[in-house]
């Protein structure tokens, strides 16, 4: 038997003119945690999609446990012992944990285990790998950390010996991320093989045994984690030295540009997601909102920007009211100097079937510079998009390419360029670097600081505590729809993590 769980030889894949994977060779040893890092568009996701059967390589071979295999679809991958935990969970919200674990494997459950035995098998897996979760709990009622456990249990239930995890800590608190790492280490110690895709270099250093670096479709290096450091990995990813810290001077806040008072917002189910929230953002400062995803941050941003109607409360933009309980018009708010980078670029920031140049002006397409009567000036639109693509290093620099064909990080750059280049008075920005590589993170952070220093008011929501602490001048923490604390950027990760988990000041000592 081979000592390698996975071996990829000469994997090559193109999508039209885009050469996504170029003669990739990769070896992953059994019983290890192997990290894969790279810039957006480097080809990481394409490579893992080939391994899991979403795509088929144009050339090359895949070996699993030393034996060559043709992975035509995910069913073949699962049968070969490969499981994948996606960044966006593939769970049915109104099903129970047990139903989700069995979903797609019903025939196996009926023929070999039955419901009773499936429950027993789930219990065995929970106990063996410290993945405890109530099998009868409904998914939508579980916090994201437990939902992620369900995804891992689904893969283990199907007999996975090799687990691919795509950006697994993006929606977790620091404590939940630490617990996930302990689970992954336990899985490794019991012989499982883990492939970890992440853009967080410190996580690579903390949890992996080996790390492979991709750049522009090629595999440029593999290192033993103990023999490298974040500076070397960042340079390998980007091809140049990267500043891994945010450099900024003190803020000089002046007039209040955005004021929120007593805002209450319900979601589509009628559940209160924003509960009597008040805050202010001044010109020349960045106010960061920390919190685990799902604690009301999205609904807060949507109400402020006119996308979701509030139940009550007032919002003032430069001293003038926004009709948040009525019919606030996002287009009118743009004209008044409010720019918005939504958290969910796919559903709120972009039309994926549009060309890049069309998305580059989306929401601003009524501006006179782009119109000739009722028709768009296509030359002006495409010229603007080309300038933005160059300034924000959007790859590939093809303004006629469908937006769906860009990597997630380059899609994010399209949204950021569109909103930041409008010189807004107030920038409301959700998850600015979600799915963005280390080189682009450096660029985006610098741009946000430049906007603050130019006297703009910035309201920032991020689940990345490092990002919140690095960029913010003041930090608000949201839990269960309420602001549960305000801190300075000097607050420790542990202190903020406790607030994010709903442990308010004084409670920890009392426990």
Protein backbone atom coordinates (compact mmCIF):
# COMPACT_ATOMS: atom_id res chain seq x y z
CA UNK A 1 0.00 0.00 0.00
CA UNK A 2 1.17 3.53 -0.78
CA UNK A 3 2.09 5.97 1.99
CA UNK A 4 0.26 8.63 -0.04
CA UNK A 5 -3.46 9.19 0.41
CA UNK A 6 -3.64 11.44 -2.67
CA UNK A 7 -1.28 11.88 -5.60
CA UNK A 8 -2.04 14.23 -8.47
CA UNK A 9 0.18 13.94 -11.54
CA UNK A 10 0.26 16.49 -14.32
CA UNK A 11 -3.25 17.85 -13.72
CA UNK A 12 -4.14 20.38 -16.40
CA UNK A 13 -7.44 22.23 -16.77
CA UNK A 14 -8.58 25.13 -18.95
CA UNK A 15 -11.85 27.01 -19.18
CA UNK A 16 -11.75 28.55 -22.64
CA UNK A 17 -8.79 30.96 -22.65
CA UNK A 18 -8.30 30.67 -18.86
CA UNK A 19 -5.62 28.10 -17.96
CA UNK A 20 -6.74 27.34 -14.39
CA UNK A 21 -4.39 24.42 -13.58
CA UNK A 22 -1.02 24.02 -15.30
CA UNK A 23 0.65 20.61 -14.97
CA UNK A 24 -0.06 20.32 -11.23
CA UNK A 25 1.73 17.70 -9.16
CA UNK A 26 0.70 17.18 -5.54
CA UNK A 27 1.38 14.46 -2.98
CA UNK A 28 -0.55 14.24 0.30
CA UNK A 29 0.70 11.74 2.88
CA UNK A 30 -1.73 9.57 4.81
CA UNK A 31 -2.60 10.68 8.32
CA UNK A 32 -1.52 14.29 7.83
CA UNK A 33 -3.09 17.74 7.62
CA UNK A 34 -1.99 19.27 4.32
CA UNK A 35 -2.69 22.95 3.64
CA UNK A 36 -3.20 24.47 0.20
CA UNK A 37 -2.86 28.22 -0.12
CA UNK A 38 -2.69 30.68 -2.99
CA UNK A 39 -4.03 33.95 -4.34
CA UNK A 40 -7.55 34.26 -5.72
CA UNK A 41 -7.55 32.73 -9.15
CA UNK A 42 -4.48 30.62 -8.35
CA UNK A 43 -6.45 27.45 -9.11
CA UNK A 44 -6.93 25.94 -5.63
CA UNK A 45 -10.68 25.50 -5.88
CA UNK A 46 -10.44 24.16 -9.42
CA UNK A 47 -7.89 21.57 -8.30
CA UNK A 48 -10.03 20.42 -5.36
CA UNK A 49 -13.12 20.38 -7.58
CA UNK A 50 -11.28 18.01 -9.90
CA UNK A 51 -10.33 15.80 -6.96
CA UNK A 52 -13.95 15.75 -5.74
CA UNK A 53 -15.43 15.15 -9.19
CA UNK A 54 -17.10 18.50 -9.89
CA UNK A 55 -14.75 18.97 -12.85
CA UNK A 56 -12.72 16.55 -14.94
CA UNK A 57 -9.11 17.37 -15.77
CA UNK A 58 -8.12 17.88 -19.42
CA UNK A 59 -4.94 15.94 -18.70
CA UNK A 60 -3.32 14.17 -15.77
CA UNK A 61 -3.86 11.34 -13.34
CA UNK A 62 -5.39 11.00 -9.86
CA UNK A 63 -4.17 8.28 -7.50
CA UNK A 64 -6.01 7.45 -4.28
CA UNK A 65 -4.08 5.21 -1.87
CA UNK A 66 -1.67 4.38 -4.68
CA UNK A 67 -4.30 3.31 -7.20
CA UNK A 68 -5.20 5.35 -10.27
CA UNK A 69 -8.86 6.34 -10.38
CA UNK A 70 -11.11 8.30 -12.73
CA UNK A 71 -13.35 10.56 -10.65
CA UNK A 72 -16.28 11.34 -12.95
CA UNK A 73 -18.53 12.87 -10.28
CA UNK A 74 -18.75 13.33 -6.49
CA UNK A 75 -20.36 9.90 -6.06
CA UNK A 76 -17.15 8.29 -7.32
CA UNK A 77 -15.12 10.48 -4.96
CA UNK A 78 -17.30 9.50 -1.99
CA UNK A 79 -17.00 5.82 -2.91
CA UNK A 80 -13.21 6.28 -2.96
CA UNK A 81 -13.32 7.64 0.60
CA UNK A 82 -13.11 11.36 -0.20
CA UNK A 83 -15.40 13.82 1.57
CA UNK A 84 -15.68 17.59 1.21
CA UNK A 85 -16.88 20.23 3.68
CA UNK A 86 -17.79 23.30 1.66
CA UNK A 87 -17.31 26.91 2.74
CA UNK A 88 -21.06 27.46 2.32
CA UNK A 89 -22.71 24.55 4.10
CA UNK A 90 -24.74 22.11 2.00
CA UNK A 91 -27.45 21.50 4.59
CA UNK A 92 -31.25 21.56 4.43
CA UNK A 93 -32.22 24.13 7.07
CA UNK A 94 -35.57 22.62 8.09
CA UNK A 95 -34.25 19.03 8.33
CA UNK A 96 -32.85 17.52 11.51
CA UNK A 97 -29.21 16.65 12.01
CA UNK A 98 -29.94 12.95 11.44
CA UNK A 99 -31.95 13.64 8.29
CA UNK A 100 -29.13 15.78 6.87
CA UNK A 101 -26.50 13.17 7.67
CA UNK A 102 -28.55 10.48 5.91
CA UNK A 103 -29.52 12.72 2.97
CA UNK A 104 -28.03 11.30 -0.21
CA UNK A 105 -27.18 8.03 1.51
CA UNK A 106 -30.74 6.84 2.10
CA UNK A 107 -30.33 3.66 0.07
CA UNK A 108 -27.31 2.68 2.11
CA UNK A 109 -29.19 3.45 5.31
CA UNK A 110 -32.27 1.47 4.28
CA UNK A 111 -30.41 -1.57 2.98
CA UNK A 112 -27.62 -1.84 5.52
CA UNK A 113 -28.41 0.15 8.61
CA UNK A 114 -31.96 1.41 8.80
CA UNK A 115 -32.98 4.52 10.74
CA UNK A 116 -32.20 2.95 14.11
CA UNK A 117 -28.77 1.81 13.03
CA UNK A 118 -28.11 5.15 11.32
CA UNK A 119 -28.80 6.88 14.62
CA UNK A 120 -26.46 4.46 16.38
CA UNK A 121 -23.73 5.03 13.77
CA UNK A 122 -24.11 8.78 14.13
CA UNK A 123 -23.78 8.46 17.90
CA UNK A 124 -20.64 6.34 17.47
CA UNK A 125 -19.06 8.94 15.20
CA UNK A 126 -19.98 11.77 17.57
CA UNK A 127 -18.37 9.97 20.50
CA UNK A 128 -15.27 8.83 18.62
CA UNK A 129 -14.41 12.23 17.17
CA UNK A 130 -15.79 14.60 19.85
CA UNK A 131 -18.41 15.91 17.42
CA UNK A 132 -21.36 15.95 19.82
CA UNK A 133 -24.59 17.36 18.42
CA UNK A 134 -28.26 16.57 19.05
CA UNK A 135 -29.38 14.27 16.18
CA UNK A 136 -32.96 15.57 16.46
CA UNK A 137 -32.04 19.26 16.41
CA UNK A 138 -33.26 21.24 13.37
CA UNK A 139 -30.34 22.70 11.41
CA UNK A 140 -31.65 26.28 11.26
CA UNK A 141 -31.79 26.35 15.07
CA UNK A 142 -28.12 25.39 15.44
CA UNK A 143 -25.22 27.87 15.63
CA UNK A 144 -22.83 27.75 12.69
CA UNK A 145 -20.14 25.92 14.66
CA UNK A 146 -22.49 22.98 15.21
CA UNK A 147 -23.69 23.12 11.61
CA UNK A 148 -20.09 22.64 10.54
CA UNK A 149 -19.84 19.57 12.78
CA UNK A 150 -22.85 18.16 10.94
CA UNK A 151 -21.04 18.63 7.62
CA UNK A 152 -18.03 16.72 8.97
CA UNK A 153 -20.31 13.99 10.35
CA UNK A 154 -21.98 13.68 6.93
CA UNK A 155 -18.61 12.96 5.34
CA UNK A 156 -17.56 10.51 8.06
CA UNK A 157 -20.92 8.73 7.86
CA UNK A 158 -20.21 8.06 4.19
CA UNK A 159 -16.89 6.48 5.12
CA UNK A 160 -14.55 9.36 4.28
CA UNK A 161 -10.87 8.70 5.00
CA UNK A 162 -9.81 11.88 3.20
CA UNK A 163 -11.51 15.17 4.14
CA UNK A 164 -11.27 18.38 2.09
CA UNK A 165 -12.21 21.51 4.07
CA UNK A 166 -12.70 24.79 2.21
CA UNK A 167 -12.16 27.91 4.37
CA UNK A 168 -13.59 26.16 7.44
CA UNK A 169 -13.16 28.93 10.03
CA UNK A 170 -14.74 31.82 8.16
CA UNK A 171 -17.94 31.79 10.24
CA UNK A 172 -16.53 30.62 13.59
CA UNK A 173 -15.63 32.41 16.82
CA UNK A 174 -12.01 32.02 17.96
CA UNK A 175 -13.15 29.43 20.53
CA UNK A 176 -15.09 27.48 17.87
CA UNK A 177 -12.09 27.60 15.53
CA UNK A 178 -9.84 26.23 18.31
CA UNK A 179 -12.31 23.42 18.90
CA UNK A 180 -12.38 22.64 15.17
CA UNK A 181 -8.59 22.40 15.17
CA UNK A 182 -8.72 19.94 18.06
CA UNK A 183 -11.23 17.85 16.07
CA UNK A 184 -9.01 17.91 12.99
CA UNK A 185 -5.98 16.89 15.03
CA UNK A 186 -7.95 14.02 16.53
CA UNK A 187 -9.10 12.92 13.06
CA UNK A 188 -5.49 13.00 11.88
CA UNK A 189 -4.28 11.08 14.92
CA UNK A 190 -6.84 8.37 14.12
CA UNK A 191 -5.50 8.01 10.59
CA UNK A 192 -7.69 10.38 8.59
CA UNK A 193 -6.10 12.65 5.98
CA UNK A 194 -7.12 16.32 5.93
CA UNK A 195 -6.69 18.77 3.04
CA UNK A 196 -7.24 22.32 4.28
CA UNK A 197 -7.88 25.23 1.90
CA UNK A 198 -7.53 28.54 3.71
CA UNK A 199 -6.24 32.06 3.15
CA UNK A 200 -5.34 32.43 6.84
CA UNK A 201 -1.61 31.89 7.06
CA UNK A 202 -1.58 31.75 10.84
CA UNK A 203 -4.04 28.85 10.71
CA UNK A 204 -1.73 27.07 8.28
CA UNK A 205 1.13 27.48 10.73
CA UNK A 206 -1.00 26.35 13.68
CA UNK A 207 -2.63 23.21 12.32
CA UNK A 208 -0.92 21.77 9.22
CA UNK A 209 1.95 19.30 8.80
CA UNK A 210 2.74 20.35 5.24
CA UNK A 211 1.64 23.22 3.02
CA UNK A 212 1.56 23.59 -0.76
CA UNK A 213 1.52 27.00 -2.45
CA UNK A 214 -0.18 27.73 -5.78
CA UNK A 215 0.36 30.83 -7.90
CA UNK A 216 -1.35 31.60 -11.22
CA UNK A 217 -2.40 28.03 -11.85
CA UNK A 218 0.92 26.43 -10.97
CA UNK A 219 2.19 24.60 -7.90
CA UNK A 220 5.22 26.67 -6.90
CA UNK A 221 6.29 25.10 -3.61
CA UNK A 222 5.58 22.53 -0.93
CA UNK A 223 7.03 23.00 2.54
CA UNK A 224 7.01 21.19 5.84
CA UNK A 225 5.14 23.63 8.03
CA UNK A 226 7.78 23.43 10.74
CA UNK A 227 10.39 24.62 8.23
CA UNK A 228 8.62 27.76 6.95
CA UNK A 229 6.94 30.94 8.25
CA UNK A 230 4.11 33.28 7.28
CA UNK A 231 6.44 35.76 5.60
CA UNK A 232 7.88 33.12 3.26
CA UNK A 233 4.45 31.67 2.47
CA UNK A 234 3.00 35.10 1.70
CA UNK A 235 5.89 35.88 -0.63
CA UNK A 236 5.52 32.51 -2.39
CA UNK A 237 1.79 33.15 -2.88
CA UNK A 238 2.10 36.65 -4.29
CA UNK A 239 5.57 36.63 -5.85
CA UNK A 240 6.71 39.62 -3.79
CA UNK A 241 7.10 40.64 -0.17
CA UNK A 242 3.78 41.35 1.52
CA UNK A 243 3.07 43.61 4.48
CA UNK A 244 1.20 41.38 6.94
CA UNK A 245 0.12 44.16 9.28
CA UNK A 246 -2.03 47.24 8.79
CA UNK A 247 -0.09 50.48 9.06
CA UNK A 248 -2.24 53.40 10.12
CA UNK A 249 -1.90 56.54 12.12
CA UNK A 250 -4.35 57.85 14.73
CA UNK A 251 -7.83 58.77 13.58
CA UNK A 252 -9.11 62.33 13.52
CA UNK A 253 -12.88 61.97 13.80
CA UNK A 254 -15.05 65.03 13.21
CA UNK A 255 -18.76 65.37 12.43
CA UNK A 256 -21.20 62.49 12.81
CA UNK A 257 -21.98 61.23 9.30
CA UNK A 258 -24.07 58.16 10.18
CA UNK A 259 -26.34 57.96 13.22
CA UNK A 260 -28.47 54.95 14.18
CA UNK A 261 -30.90 55.18 17.10
CA UNK A 262 -33.12 52.41 18.51
CA UNK A 263 -33.11 50.36 15.31
CA UNK A 264 -35.14 47.14 15.38
CA UNK A 265 -35.27 44.84 12.35
CA UNK A 266 -37.00 41.50 11.74
CA UNK A 267 -35.92 38.89 9.20
CA UNK A 268 -38.16 37.21 6.63
CA UNK A 269 -39.44 34.80 9.29
CA UNK A 270 -40.52 37.63 11.56
CA UNK A 271 -37.70 36.99 14.04
CA UNK A 272 -36.10 40.07 15.61
CA UNK A 273 -32.51 40.11 14.32
CA UNK A 274 -31.59 43.70 15.26
CA UNK A 275 -32.81 44.61 18.72
CA UNK A 276 -32.80 48.32 19.67
CA UNK A 277 -29.33 49.07 18.25
CA UNK A 278 -27.82 52.54 18.44
CA UNK A 279 -24.45 53.70 17.08
CA UNK A 280 -22.62 56.62 15.50
CA UNK A 281 -19.90 56.82 12.88
CA UNK A 282 -17.95 60.04 12.42
CA UNK A 283 -16.08 61.38 9.45
CA UNK A 284 -12.48 60.20 9.65
CA UNK A 285 -13.06 57.03 11.68
CA UNK A 286 -13.68 53.33 11.17
CA UNK A 287 -16.22 51.71 13.46
CA UNK A 288 -15.94 47.93 13.35
CA UNK A 289 -18.72 45.52 14.28
CA UNK A 290 -17.47 42.14 15.48
CA UNK A 291 -19.64 39.08 15.88
CA UNK A 292 -20.29 35.59 14.66
CA UNK A 293 -22.28 35.55 11.43
CA UNK A 294 -26.02 35.42 12.04
CA UNK A 295 -26.20 37.77 15.02
CA UNK A 296 -27.92 40.62 13.19
CA UNK A 297 -25.01 42.27 11.40
CA UNK A 298 -26.40 41.52 7.93
CA UNK A 299 -29.87 42.84 8.76
CA UNK A 300 -28.35 45.97 10.34
CA UNK A 301 -26.43 46.80 7.17
CA UNK A 302 -29.43 46.01 4.99
CA UNK A 303 -31.69 48.36 6.97
CA UNK A 304 -29.15 51.20 6.94
CA UNK A 305 -28.69 50.90 3.17
CA UNK A 306 -32.41 50.70 2.31
CA UNK A 307 -32.50 47.03 1.32
CA UNK A 308 -34.58 45.80 4.29
CA UNK A 309 -37.38 47.65 6.05
CA UNK A 310 -36.92 48.26 9.76
CA UNK A 311 -39.69 47.85 12.32
CA UNK A 312 -38.70 50.97 14.24
CA UNK A 313 -35.83 53.32 14.86
CA UNK A 314 -34.18 56.23 13.08
CA UNK A 315 -31.12 56.51 10.85
CA UNK A 316 -29.55 59.85 9.86
CA UNK A 317 -27.14 60.25 6.94
CA UNK A 318 -25.17 63.49 7.32
CA UNK A 319 -27.93 64.73 9.63
CA UNK A 320 -30.77 63.96 7.20
CA UNK A 321 -33.18 61.05 7.85
CA UNK A 322 -33.28 57.80 5.92
CA UNK A 323 -36.80 56.39 5.73
CA UNK A 324 -35.78 52.98 7.14
CA UNK A 325 -39.31 52.10 8.30
CA UNK A 326 -40.82 53.09 4.97
CA UNK A 327 -39.50 53.08 1.44
CA UNK A 328 -35.82 54.00 1.61
CA UNK A 329 -34.42 54.03 -1.93
CA UNK A 330 -30.88 52.58 -2.26
CA UNK A 331 -30.36 54.56 -5.49
CA UNK A 332 -31.24 57.81 -3.71
CA UNK A 333 -28.89 56.90 -0.86
CA UNK A 334 -26.05 56.43 -3.37
CA UNK A 335 -26.68 59.93 -4.67
CA UNK A 336 -26.55 61.18 -1.07
CA UNK A 337 -23.08 59.69 -0.62
CA UNK A 338 -23.74 56.27 0.93
CA UNK A 339 -21.82 53.38 -0.66
CA UNK A 340 -22.45 49.77 0.29
CA UNK A 341 -20.32 46.64 -0.11
CA UNK A 342 -22.74 43.84 0.83
CA UNK A 343 -21.64 40.74 2.74
CA UNK A 344 -23.06 38.39 0.12
CA UNK A 345 -21.54 39.40 -3.20
CA UNK A 346 -23.36 36.69 -5.16
CA UNK A 347 -26.89 37.57 -4.10
CA UNK A 348 -26.60 41.31 -3.40
CA UNK A 349 -23.42 42.62 -4.99
CA UNK A 350 -23.32 41.14 -8.47
CA UNK A 351 -25.37 39.72 -11.32
CA UNK A 352 -23.19 36.76 -12.18
CA UNK A 353 -24.57 36.37 -15.69
CA UNK A 354 -23.54 39.97 -16.54
CA UNK A 355 -20.20 40.87 -18.05
CA UNK A 356 -17.60 42.37 -15.72
CA UNK A 357 -18.03 45.86 -17.20
CA UNK A 358 -21.77 45.75 -16.53
CA UNK A 359 -21.25 44.85 -12.87
CA UNK A 360 -18.59 47.57 -12.61
CA UNK A 361 -21.35 50.22 -12.90
CA UNK A 362 -24.28 48.29 -11.39
CA UNK A 363 -26.35 50.68 -9.27
CA UNK A 364 -24.63 53.67 -10.89
CA UNK A 365 -25.79 52.89 -14.42
CA UNK A 366 -28.11 55.94 -14.42
CA UNK A 367 -25.14 58.31 -14.09
CA UNK A 368 -24.95 60.73 -17.02
CA UNK A 369 -21.39 59.70 -17.92
CA UNK A 370 -22.69 56.26 -18.95
CA UNK A 371 -25.89 57.32 -20.76
CA UNK A 372 -26.72 58.49 -24.25
CA UNK A 373 -30.43 59.06 -23.89
CA UNK A 374 -31.94 55.74 -22.80
CA UNK A 375 -28.90 53.77 -24.06
CA UNK A 376 -25.64 52.97 -22.33
CA UNK A 377 -22.39 54.37 -23.70
CA UNK A 378 -20.68 51.01 -23.95
CA UNK A 379 -17.26 52.49 -24.73
CA UNK A 380 -17.44 54.63 -21.57
CA UNK A 381 -18.66 51.69 -19.48
CA UNK A 382 -15.89 49.38 -20.71
CA UNK A 383 -13.22 52.05 -20.38
CA UNK A 384 -14.24 52.65 -16.77
CA UNK A 385 -14.20 48.90 -16.07
CA UNK A 386 -10.74 48.51 -17.62
CA UNK A 387 -9.36 51.31 -15.43
CA UNK A 388 -10.86 49.72 -12.31
CA UNK A 389 -9.53 46.29 -13.29
CA UNK A 390 -6.02 47.70 -13.59
CA UNK A 391 -6.20 49.68 -10.35
CA UNK A 392 -7.64 46.79 -8.32
CA UNK A 393 -5.66 44.02 -10.09
CA UNK A 394 -8.82 42.18 -11.20
CA UNK A 395 -7.83 38.95 -12.96
CA UNK A 396 -8.22 38.14 -15.74
CA UNK A 397 -8.34 41.76 -17.01
CA UNK A 398 -11.13 40.93 -19.47
CA UNK A 399 -14.03 43.35 -19.04
CA UNK A 400 -16.19 41.31 -21.44
CA UNK A 401 -15.87 38.11 -19.39
CA UNK A 402 -18.99 36.88 -17.60
CA UNK A 403 -18.66 37.69 -13.89
CA UNK A 404 -19.49 34.09 -12.95
CA UNK A 405 -16.17 33.06 -14.53
CA UNK A 406 -14.06 35.12 -12.11
CA UNK A 407 -12.78 33.62 -8.86
CA UNK A 408 -14.57 34.64 -5.67
CA UNK A 409 -11.82 37.03 -4.64
CA UNK A 410 -11.78 38.78 -8.00
CA UNK A 411 -15.58 39.07 -7.87
CA UNK A 412 -15.11 40.80 -4.50
CA UNK A 413 -12.63 43.22 -6.05
CA UNK A 414 -15.21 44.14 -8.72
CA UNK A 415 -17.69 45.14 -5.97
CA UNK A 416 -15.06 46.99 -3.93
CA UNK A 417 -13.81 48.95 -6.93
CA UNK A 418 -17.36 49.94 -7.90
CA UNK A 419 -18.23 51.28 -4.44
CA UNK A 420 -14.90 52.72 -3.27
CA UNK A 421 -14.19 54.64 -6.47
CA UNK A 422 -17.39 56.69 -6.10
CA UNK A 423 -15.81 58.88 -3.40
CA UNK A 424 -18.68 58.31 -0.92
CA UNK A 425 -19.08 60.24 2.32
CA UNK A 426 -20.07 57.04 4.15
CA UNK A 427 -18.90 53.54 3.28
CA UNK A 428 -20.87 50.63 4.75
CA UNK A 429 -18.86 47.50 4.13
CA UNK A 430 -19.57 43.87 5.02
CA UNK A 431 -16.84 41.20 5.02
CA UNK A 432 -14.45 43.21 2.79
CA UNK A 433 -11.88 40.43 2.41
CA UNK A 434 -14.06 37.30 2.48
CA UNK A 435 -12.42 34.79 0.17
CA UNK A 436 -9.67 37.26 -0.78
CA UNK A 437 -5.98 36.35 -0.91
CA UNK A 438 -3.24 37.84 1.24
CA UNK A 439 -1.93 40.22 -1.43
CA UNK A 440 -5.39 41.60 -2.16
CA UNK A 441 -6.15 41.85 1.57
CA UNK A 442 -3.13 44.13 1.94
CA UNK A 443 -4.41 46.33 -0.92
CA UNK A 444 -8.00 46.47 0.39
CA UNK A 445 -6.92 47.32 3.93
CA UNK A 446 -4.73 50.16 2.65
CA UNK A 447 -7.63 51.50 0.60
CA UNK A 448 -9.99 51.46 3.60
CA UNK A 449 -7.43 53.33 5.70
CA UNK A 450 -6.95 55.85 2.87
CA UNK A 451 -10.70 56.48 2.83
CA UNK A 452 -10.71 57.07 6.58
CA UNK A 453 -7.75 59.44 6.31
CA UNK A 454 -9.57 61.32 3.54
CA UNK A 455 -12.37 62.07 6.00
CA UNK A 456 -14.82 59.31 5.07
CA UNK A 457 -16.96 57.56 7.68
CA UNK A 458 -16.58 53.78 7.51
CA UNK A 459 -18.87 51.22 9.15
CA UNK A 460 -17.16 47.83 8.90
CA UNK A 461 -18.63 44.39 9.60
CA UNK A 462 -16.28 41.41 9.63
CA UNK A 463 -16.11 37.97 11.23
CA UNK A 464 -12.30 38.22 11.06
CA UNK A 465 -11.16 39.46 14.45
CA UNK A 466 -7.67 40.28 13.19
CA UNK A 467 -9.25 42.48 10.53
CA UNK A 468 -11.58 44.21 12.99
CA UNK A 469 -8.76 44.88 15.46
CA UNK A 470 -6.34 46.05 12.75
CA UNK A 471 -8.68 48.44 10.94
CA UNK A 472 -11.12 49.77 13.53
CA UNK A 473 -10.80 52.87 15.65
CA UNK A 474 -13.71 51.67 17.79
CA UNK A 475 -15.11 48.15 18.04
CA UNK A 476 -18.75 47.26 18.75
CA UNK A 477 -19.62 43.61 19.44
CA UNK A 478 -23.00 42.19 18.42
CA UNK A 479 -24.61 39.12 19.93
CA UNK A 480 -28.22 37.99 19.39
CA UNK A 481 -29.10 41.26 17.68
CA UNK A 482 -27.81 43.59 20.36
CA UNK A 483 -24.64 45.60 20.85
CA UNK A 484 -23.22 43.91 23.95
CA UNK A 485 -20.03 45.93 24.31
CA UNK A 486 -17.72 48.59 22.92
CA UNK A 487 -13.94 48.15 22.97
CA UNK A 488 -10.79 49.77 21.67
CA UNK A 489 -8.58 48.01 19.11
CA UNK A 490 -6.26 47.09 21.98
CA UNK A 491 -8.86 44.60 23.30
CA UNK A 492 -7.57 41.04 23.26
CA UNK A 493 -8.93 38.36 20.96
CA UNK A 494 -10.08 36.43 24.03
CA UNK A 495 -11.99 39.41 25.42
CA UNK A 496 -13.76 40.03 22.11
CA UNK A 497 -14.36 36.31 21.63
CA UNK A 498 -16.20 36.08 24.96
CA UNK A 499 -18.44 39.02 24.00
CA UNK A 500 -19.09 37.39 20.61
CA UNK A 501 -20.19 34.25 22.46
CA UNK A 502 -22.61 36.25 24.64
CA UNK A 503 -20.49 36.31 27.80
CA UNK A 504 -20.71 39.88 29.00
CA UNK A 505 -18.28 41.62 31.32
CA UNK A 506 -18.39 40.18 34.82
CA UNK A 507 -20.11 36.96 33.82
CA UNK A 508 -16.86 35.04 33.24
CA UNK A 509 -15.61 35.78 36.73
CA UNK A 510 -18.93 34.74 38.21
CA UNK A 511 -18.89 31.35 36.50
